[in-house]
Amino acid sequence: MSHSRRTFIKKSTSFATLTMGGASVVSPKKHSNEDLRIFTKDAGMQLCEAYFFGMNEQKIALTKQLDVLGAVGGISPAMVGLKEIKPWEMTAVKAVKEAWDKVGLQLRVIEGPPSLGEKTKLGLEGRDEEIANFITFMKNLSQVGIDTICYNWMPVIGWYRTQNDRLGRGGALVTAFDNEAIKSLPLTSYGEVSKESLWKNLDYFLKAVVPEAEKVGIKLAMHPDDPQVDSVRGIGRIMNTVDSFKKLLKMYPSQSNGITMCQGNFALMDKNINIPQLIKEFSKSIHFVHFRNVRGDKYNFEETFHDEGIIDMYEAMKAYYEIGFRGAIRPDHVPTMAGDSNQYPGYSTIGTLYAIGYMRGLMEAVSKTKR
């Protein structure tokens, strides 16, 4: 009798466990160590490094040892020994692409394209020729297998900082911006440049270029203004709010008209911005990612190590993975660490190595959690 009662209780408990509330409940699967080693490399994204100052042999060797085989940079005829060749011509494009192939890296994104300067952004005489050369550039890139161009709409004054050696964690050097420091600076030779004129010129550019980009499969990825203030020395800034990017996408709806999700810039646009949520909101338009962190606000900020700052970096990486982003992503604006040169603020080799390791850890974590 006692044995039968125990058997009944055991069976009843098991049944209740499996059918609580009328719904089946399955015990969590226990993963073996072998299971836990299975994940998607870099969460399926194209992990890259930036090369804006030539083909640095040490950095190339180090990133290859880290198995980061994507390169981001420009097309410079001089870097491959070419003279009197324009950077948008096929001779230059092909030679630079082959130079990267030769060292074992794949040039994936052109950041800072040639033939997109003041004439186009300010609507000056000669802009039609600039735009024609830009279209030629897109066609030539497409022929060698490069499909993404990161560009900006910051004429005359681009990326701007008031300090490049602020002391950060442990004495590392970080870049910083203080809007108070630029208020007394004089206008540039272009005088006051209104936001209205910049929007008008951007519209002109998009209408001419996006249809051609669609034909050859090029993705145009607009980078935010940096810093995000309304003007610098009289030059207006228009790509400095989330709404401005929504306006950009509505001006010419196309898969070729997209965004560079530079996290630090977007996070500083407004204190209420949630980067993981914004990634999901812009999910269909993100062509390229600058993965970095910051602290402060758009009027006074500094760039930080990836593991500090105001952005939840794990949730950001998880958001990219969940929206299915599989494009190029690179660390951006790292601190200059001990033993490294501050010749190129924001692009310390040692700081970059730390950032890549941090990013790869996040990538493995989100791909294991969400597989």
Protein backbone atom coordinates (compact mmCIF):
# COMPACT_ATOMS: atom_id res chain seq x y z
CA MET A 1 0.00 0.00 0.00
CA SER A 2 2.79 2.40 0.98
CA HIS A 3 4.72 1.54 -2.21
CA SER A 4 1.64 2.17 -4.39
CA ARG A 5 1.02 5.52 -2.69
CA ARG A 6 4.60 6.65 -3.30
CA THR A 7 4.39 5.58 -6.94
CA PHE A 8 1.14 7.53 -7.38
CA ILE A 9 2.60 10.69 -5.81
CA LYS A 10 5.72 10.47 -7.99
CA LYS A 11 3.70 10.06 -11.18
CA SER A 12 1.27 12.81 -10.19
CA THR A 13 4.10 15.26 -9.47
CA SER A 14 5.75 14.55 -12.80
CA PHE A 15 2.45 15.00 -14.64
CA ALA A 16 1.77 18.28 -12.86
CA THR A 17 5.19 19.54 -13.72
CA LEU A 18 4.69 18.81 -17.40
CA THR A 19 1.16 20.22 -17.62
CA MET A 20 1.03 23.21 -15.27
CA GLY A 21 -1.93 25.42 -16.12
CA GLY A 22 -2.83 23.11 -19.02
CA ALA A 23 0.29 24.06 -20.94
CA SER A 24 3.22 21.79 -21.58
CA VAL A 25 6.41 22.70 -19.73
CA VAL A 26 9.68 21.32 -20.97
CA SER A 27 12.65 21.10 -18.65
CA PRO A 28 15.54 23.37 -19.71
CA LYS A 29 18.01 21.62 -21.95
CA LYS A 30 21.38 21.12 -20.40
CA HIS A 31 24.18 22.16 -22.74
CA SER A 32 27.41 20.29 -22.90
CA ASN A 33 30.74 22.07 -23.11
CA GLU A 34 30.78 21.23 -26.80
CA ASP A 35 27.40 22.96 -27.28
CA LEU A 36 28.69 26.13 -25.63
CA ARG A 37 31.58 26.33 -28.06
CA ILE A 38 29.17 26.59 -30.97
CA PHE A 39 28.39 30.20 -31.92
CA THR A 40 28.35 32.47 -34.95
CA LYS A 41 31.73 34.09 -35.55
CA ASP A 42 31.47 37.82 -34.83
CA ALA A 43 27.69 37.34 -34.62
CA GLY A 44 27.69 37.15 -38.41
CA MET A 45 28.91 40.74 -38.78
CA GLN A 46 31.93 41.94 -40.76
CA LEU A 47 34.40 43.09 -38.12
CA CYS A 48 36.72 45.70 -39.63
CA GLU A 49 39.44 48.14 -38.72
CA ALA A 50 39.98 51.66 -40.05
CA TYR A 51 43.09 52.59 -42.06
CA PHE A 52 42.99 56.35 -42.64
CA PHE A 53 46.71 56.98 -42.44
CA GLY A 54 48.13 54.54 -44.95
CA MET A 55 48.72 50.81 -44.89
CA ASN A 56 50.33 50.59 -41.46
CA GLU A 57 52.29 47.35 -41.49
CA GLN A 58 52.13 46.80 -37.73
CA LYS A 59 48.39 47.35 -37.56
CA ILE A 60 47.83 45.07 -40.55
CA ALA A 61 49.90 42.33 -38.89
CA LEU A 62 48.11 42.73 -35.56
CA THR A 63 44.59 42.74 -37.00
CA LYS A 64 45.39 39.66 -39.10
CA GLN A 65 46.58 37.91 -35.94
CA LEU A 66 43.24 38.88 -34.40
CA ASP A 67 41.47 37.53 -37.50
CA VAL A 68 39.94 40.92 -38.25
CA LEU A 69 40.19 40.83 -42.01
CA GLY A 70 38.01 43.77 -43.06
CA ALA A 71 39.48 47.17 -43.90
CA VAL A 72 37.81 50.58 -43.97
CA GLY A 73 39.52 53.52 -45.64
CA GLY A 74 39.75 55.71 -48.70
CA ILE A 75 41.05 55.48 -52.23
CA SER A 76 44.40 57.26 -52.49
CA PRO A 77 46.34 56.84 -55.76
CA ALA A 78 49.52 57.92 -53.96
CA MET A 79 49.39 54.96 -51.58
CA VAL A 80 49.89 52.62 -54.53
CA GLY A 81 52.43 54.79 -56.34
CA LEU A 82 50.09 56.30 -58.92
CA LYS A 83 50.53 59.85 -60.16
CA GLU A 84 48.17 62.06 -62.16
CA ILE A 85 45.35 59.56 -61.61
CA LYS A 86 42.11 60.70 -60.01
CA PRO A 87 40.90 58.62 -57.05
CA TRP A 88 37.51 57.93 -58.64
CA GLU A 89 39.06 56.46 -61.80
CA MET A 90 39.04 52.69 -62.22
CA THR A 91 42.85 52.54 -62.37
CA ALA A 92 43.08 53.92 -58.82
CA VAL A 93 40.14 51.97 -57.44
CA LYS A 94 41.41 48.67 -58.81
CA ALA A 95 45.01 49.26 -57.71
CA VAL A 96 44.04 50.13 -54.12
CA LYS A 97 41.67 47.18 -53.88
CA GLU A 98 44.39 44.82 -55.15
CA ALA A 99 46.91 46.26 -52.67
CA TRP A 100 44.59 45.33 -49.80
CA ASP A 101 43.98 41.89 -51.28
CA LYS A 102 47.74 41.36 -51.49
CA VAL A 103 48.21 41.89 -47.74
CA GLY A 104 45.32 39.57 -46.93
CA LEU A 105 42.62 42.12 -46.06
CA GLN A 106 39.35 42.92 -47.77
CA LEU A 107 38.50 46.58 -48.37
CA ARG A 108 34.81 46.62 -47.45
CA VAL A 109 33.84 50.26 -46.88
CA ILE A 110 35.00 53.54 -48.38
CA GLU A 111 34.90 56.19 -45.67
CA GLY A 112 35.52 59.74 -46.85
CA PRO A 113 34.80 59.37 -50.57
CA PRO A 114 36.59 61.58 -53.13
CA SER A 115 34.68 64.05 -55.28
CA LEU A 116 32.22 65.03 -52.56
CA GLY A 117 33.38 68.37 -51.27
CA GLU A 118 32.40 71.97 -50.72
CA LYS A 119 31.08 72.50 -54.24
CA THR A 120 28.39 69.87 -53.76
CA LYS A 121 27.60 70.49 -50.10
CA LEU A 122 27.52 74.27 -50.45
CA GLY A 123 25.86 74.29 -53.88
CA LEU A 124 28.72 76.09 -55.60
CA GLU A 125 29.66 76.25 -59.26
CA GLY A 126 31.19 72.95 -60.32
CA ARG A 127 29.00 70.70 -58.17
CA ASP A 128 27.57 68.88 -61.20
CA GLU A 129 31.07 67.81 -62.17
CA GLU A 130 31.76 66.64 -58.61
CA ILE A 131 28.54 64.65 -58.59
CA ALA A 132 29.33 63.11 -62.00
CA ASN A 133 32.72 62.00 -60.69
CA PHE A 134 31.04 60.60 -57.57
CA ILE A 135 28.71 58.52 -59.75
CA THR A 136 31.71 57.25 -61.72
CA PHE A 137 33.35 56.36 -58.40
CA MET A 138 30.30 54.34 -57.31
CA LYS A 139 30.26 52.39 -60.57
CA ASN A 140 33.95 51.55 -60.30
CA LEU A 141 33.65 50.47 -56.67
CA SER A 142 30.81 48.16 -57.61
CA GLN A 143 32.95 46.50 -60.27
CA VAL A 144 35.63 45.54 -57.73
CA GLY A 145 33.13 44.28 -55.15
CA ILE A 146 32.91 47.23 -52.72
CA ASP A 147 29.31 48.13 -51.94
CA THR A 148 29.31 50.65 -49.05
CA ILE A 149 30.24 54.33 -48.92
CA CYS A 150 30.26 56.21 -45.62
CA TYR A 151 29.88 59.94 -46.25
CA ASN A 152 28.87 63.04 -44.29
CA TRP A 153 27.30 66.44 -44.83
CA MET A 154 29.79 68.57 -42.89
CA PRO A 155 31.25 71.09 -45.37
CA VAL A 156 34.42 73.07 -44.62
CA ILE A 157 34.72 71.79 -41.01
CA GLY A 158 34.31 68.06 -40.47
CA TRP A 159 35.08 66.03 -37.35
CA TYR A 160 35.99 68.62 -34.72
CA ARG A 161 37.39 68.52 -31.19
CA THR A 162 38.57 71.24 -28.82
CA GLN A 163 40.97 68.89 -27.01
CA ASN A 164 42.76 65.75 -28.16
CA ASP A 165 44.65 64.88 -24.98
CA ARG A 166 42.20 65.03 -22.09
CA LEU A 167 43.17 62.60 -19.34
CA GLY A 168 40.87 59.61 -19.19
CA ARG A 169 40.91 56.42 -17.18
CA GLY A 170 44.35 55.58 -15.83
CA GLY A 171 45.90 58.51 -17.67
CA ALA A 172 44.82 57.40 -21.15
CA LEU A 173 44.34 60.30 -23.57
CA VAL A 174 40.86 60.92 -24.97
CA THR A 175 39.36 63.43 -27.37
CA ALA A 176 36.85 65.96 -26.05
CA PHE A 177 34.62 68.83 -27.14
CA ASP A 178 33.49 71.95 -25.27
CA ASN A 179 31.13 74.23 -27.15
CA GLU A 180 32.09 77.21 -24.98
CA ALA A 181 35.59 77.06 -26.42
CA ILE A 182 34.45 77.73 -29.99
CA LYS A 183 31.90 80.50 -29.47
CA SER A 184 34.49 83.25 -29.94
CA LEU A 185 36.10 81.74 -33.04
CA PRO A 186 35.72 83.72 -36.29
CA LEU A 187 33.62 82.70 -39.27
CA THR A 188 35.29 80.78 -42.07
CA SER A 189 35.82 82.36 -45.48
CA TYR A 190 32.42 80.98 -46.48
CA GLY A 191 30.63 83.18 -43.92
CA GLU A 192 27.28 82.06 -42.53
CA VAL A 193 25.96 78.87 -44.09
CA SER A 194 22.30 78.19 -43.30
CA LYS A 195 20.70 74.87 -42.51
CA GLU A 196 18.13 75.54 -45.23
CA SER A 197 20.79 75.76 -47.92
CA LEU A 198 22.45 72.56 -46.70
CA TRP A 199 19.14 70.66 -46.84
CA LYS A 200 18.50 72.02 -50.34
CA ASN A 201 21.94 70.91 -51.53
CA LEU A 202 21.55 67.48 -49.94
CA ASP A 203 18.24 67.02 -51.74
CA TYR A 204 19.92 67.92 -55.03
CA PHE A 205 22.68 65.40 -54.37
CA LEU A 206 20.36 62.54 -53.39
CA LYS A 207 18.13 62.98 -56.43
CA ALA A 208 21.15 62.78 -58.71
CA VAL A 209 23.06 60.01 -56.96
CA VAL A 210 20.64 57.54 -55.35
CA PRO A 211 19.10 56.29 -58.64
CA GLU A 212 22.61 55.55 -59.91
CA ALA A 213 23.55 53.86 -56.64
CA GLU A 214 20.51 51.61 -56.99
CA LYS A 215 21.64 50.52 -60.45
CA VAL A 216 25.03 49.30 -59.24
CA GLY A 217 24.09 48.09 -55.75
CA ILE A 218 25.91 50.75 -53.74
CA LYS A 219 24.76 51.56 -50.20
CA LEU A 220 25.20 55.19 -49.17
CA ALA A 221 25.60 55.48 -45.40
CA MET A 222 25.23 59.01 -44.02
CA HIS A 223 27.41 59.70 -40.97
CA PRO A 224 26.07 62.05 -38.27
CA ASP A 225 27.57 65.47 -37.69
CA ASP A 226 30.33 65.37 -35.10
CA PRO A 227 29.93 67.31 -32.87
CA GLN A 228 26.15 67.64 -32.98
CA VAL A 229 25.89 71.38 -32.27
CA ASP A 230 23.87 73.61 -34.63
CA SER A 231 26.87 75.32 -36.19
CA VAL A 232 30.66 75.54 -36.05
CA ARG A 233 32.21 78.89 -37.01
CA GLY A 234 29.10 79.85 -38.92
CA ILE A 235 28.78 76.57 -40.85
CA GLY A 236 25.37 75.07 -40.13
CA ARG A 237 24.95 71.43 -39.21
CA ILE A 238 21.89 69.44 -40.24
CA MET A 239 22.63 65.77 -39.53
CA ASN A 240 22.57 66.26 -35.77
CA THR A 241 19.19 64.94 -34.58
CA VAL A 242 17.25 61.70 -34.89
CA ASP A 243 14.52 63.61 -36.73
CA SER A 244 17.04 64.85 -39.29
CA PHE A 245 17.89 61.24 -40.14
CA LYS A 246 14.22 60.39 -40.48
CA LYS A 247 13.93 63.33 -42.85
CA LEU A 248 16.95 62.08 -44.83
CA LEU A 249 15.36 58.66 -45.31
CA LYS A 250 12.04 60.18 -46.38
CA MET A 251 13.68 62.52 -48.90
CA TYR A 252 14.57 59.58 -51.12
CA PRO A 253 13.21 56.23 -49.86
CA SER A 254 15.61 53.61 -51.13
CA GLN A 255 17.73 50.77 -49.83
CA SER A 256 20.68 52.71 -51.23
CA ASN A 257 19.90 55.70 -48.99
CA GLY A 258 20.91 54.69 -45.49
CA ILE A 259 22.78 55.41 -42.27
CA THR A 260 26.12 54.97 -40.60
CA MET A 261 25.07 54.18 -37.04
CA CYS A 262 27.81 56.02 -35.19
CA GLN A 263 26.63 55.26 -31.66
CA GLY A 264 28.53 58.01 -29.91
CA ASN A 265 27.04 60.72 -32.10
CA PHE A 266 23.47 59.48 -31.82
CA ALA A 267 23.77 59.02 -28.05
CA LEU A 268 24.80 62.66 -27.61
CA MET A 269 21.99 64.11 -29.72
CA ASP A 270 19.51 63.92 -26.85
CA LYS A 271 19.76 62.68 -23.26
CA ASN A 272 16.63 60.56 -23.74
CA ILE A 273 17.96 58.55 -26.67
CA ASN A 274 18.16 54.81 -26.08
CA ILE A 275 20.70 53.42 -28.53
CA PRO A 276 19.45 49.79 -28.58
CA GLN A 277 15.90 51.01 -29.28
CA LEU A 278 17.15 53.40 -31.96
CA ILE A 279 19.04 50.57 -33.66
CA LYS A 280 15.80 48.65 -33.91
CA GLU A 281 13.92 51.69 -35.16
CA PHE A 282 16.44 52.26 -37.97
CA SER A 283 16.98 48.54 -38.54
CA LYS A 284 16.28 48.57 -42.28
CA SER A 285 18.50 51.58 -42.97
CA ILE A 286 21.73 50.80 -41.09
CA HIS A 287 24.47 50.02 -43.62
CA PHE A 288 27.56 50.51 -41.46
CA VAL A 289 28.33 50.76 -37.73
CA HIS A 290 30.84 52.78 -35.72
CA PHE A 291 30.89 51.02 -32.35
CA ARG A 292 32.04 53.48 -29.67
CA ASN A 293 31.09 55.00 -26.34
CA VAL A 294 30.99 58.54 -24.89
CA ARG A 295 30.00 60.53 -21.81
CA GLY A 296 28.50 64.00 -21.44
CA ASP A 297 26.17 65.81 -23.82
CA LYS A 298 26.53 67.39 -27.26
CA TYR A 299 27.82 70.66 -25.79
CA ASN A 300 30.48 69.11 -23.58
CA PHE A 301 31.57 65.51 -24.03
CA GLU A 302 34.52 63.18 -24.12
CA GLU A 303 35.09 59.83 -25.77
CA THR A 304 35.73 56.85 -23.52
CA PHE A 305 36.90 53.29 -23.45
CA HIS A 306 34.27 50.97 -24.87
CA ASP A 307 33.42 49.56 -21.43
CA GLU A 308 32.54 52.92 -19.86
CA GLY A 309 30.31 55.76 -20.96
CA ILE A 310 26.58 56.23 -21.34
CA ILE A 311 25.73 53.48 -23.85
CA ASP A 312 24.76 49.95 -22.81
CA MET A 313 27.16 48.27 -25.20
CA TYR A 314 25.93 44.72 -24.63
CA GLU A 315 22.34 45.72 -25.40
CA ALA A 316 23.53 47.64 -28.45
CA MET A 317 25.39 44.63 -29.82
CA LYS A 318 22.41 42.42 -29.07
CA ALA A 319 20.18 44.84 -30.99
CA TYR A 320 22.39 44.63 -34.09
CA TYR A 321 22.27 40.86 -33.90
CA GLU A 322 18.51 40.74 -33.41
CA ILE A 323 17.74 43.02 -36.36
CA GLY A 324 19.87 40.80 -38.57
CA PHE A 325 22.62 43.33 -39.23
CA ARG A 326 25.41 41.51 -41.01
CA GLY A 327 27.32 44.42 -42.49
CA ALA A 328 30.62 46.10 -41.65
CA ILE A 329 31.23 47.23 -38.07
CA ARG A 330 34.39 48.77 -36.65
CA PRO A 331 35.65 50.22 -33.37
CA ASP A 332 35.84 53.99 -33.43
CA HIS A 333 37.65 56.74 -31.53
CA VAL A 334 39.55 54.74 -28.94
CA PRO A 335 41.70 56.29 -26.17
CA THR A 336 45.45 56.54 -26.69
CA MET A 337 46.97 54.12 -24.19
CA ALA A 338 50.36 54.02 -22.44
CA GLY A 339 53.24 53.35 -24.80
CA ASP A 340 51.34 54.43 -27.90
CA SER A 341 51.58 57.63 -29.93
CA ASN A 342 48.87 60.28 -29.88
CA GLN A 343 49.80 61.35 -33.40
CA TYR A 344 46.37 60.30 -34.59
CA PRO A 345 43.97 60.96 -31.70
CA GLY A 346 41.20 58.39 -31.52
CA TYR A 347 43.11 55.77 -33.50
CA SER A 348 45.64 54.37 -31.05
CA THR A 349 46.78 50.91 -32.12
CA ILE A 350 46.82 49.57 -28.55
CA GLY A 351 43.43 51.12 -27.81
CA THR A 352 42.07 49.55 -30.98
CA LEU A 353 43.26 46.10 -29.93
CA TYR A 354 41.42 46.48 -26.62
CA ALA A 355 38.27 47.63 -28.43
CA ILE A 356 38.34 44.71 -30.85
CA GLY A 357 38.68 42.20 -28.01
CA TYR A 358 35.80 43.84 -26.18
CA MET A 359 33.59 43.83 -29.26
CA ARG A 360 34.37 40.22 -30.08
CA GLY A 361 33.45 39.18 -26.54
CA LEU A 362 30.09 40.90 -26.91
CA MET A 363 29.56 39.30 -30.30
CA GLU A 364 30.17 35.84 -28.92
CA ALA A 365 27.88 36.51 -25.97
CA VAL A 366 24.91 37.68 -28.06
CA SER A 367 25.28 34.91 -30.62
CA LYS A 368 25.33 32.24 -27.90
CA THR A 369 22.44 33.78 -26.01
CA LYS A 370 20.25 34.25 -29.07
CA ARG A 371 21.14 31.27 -31.26
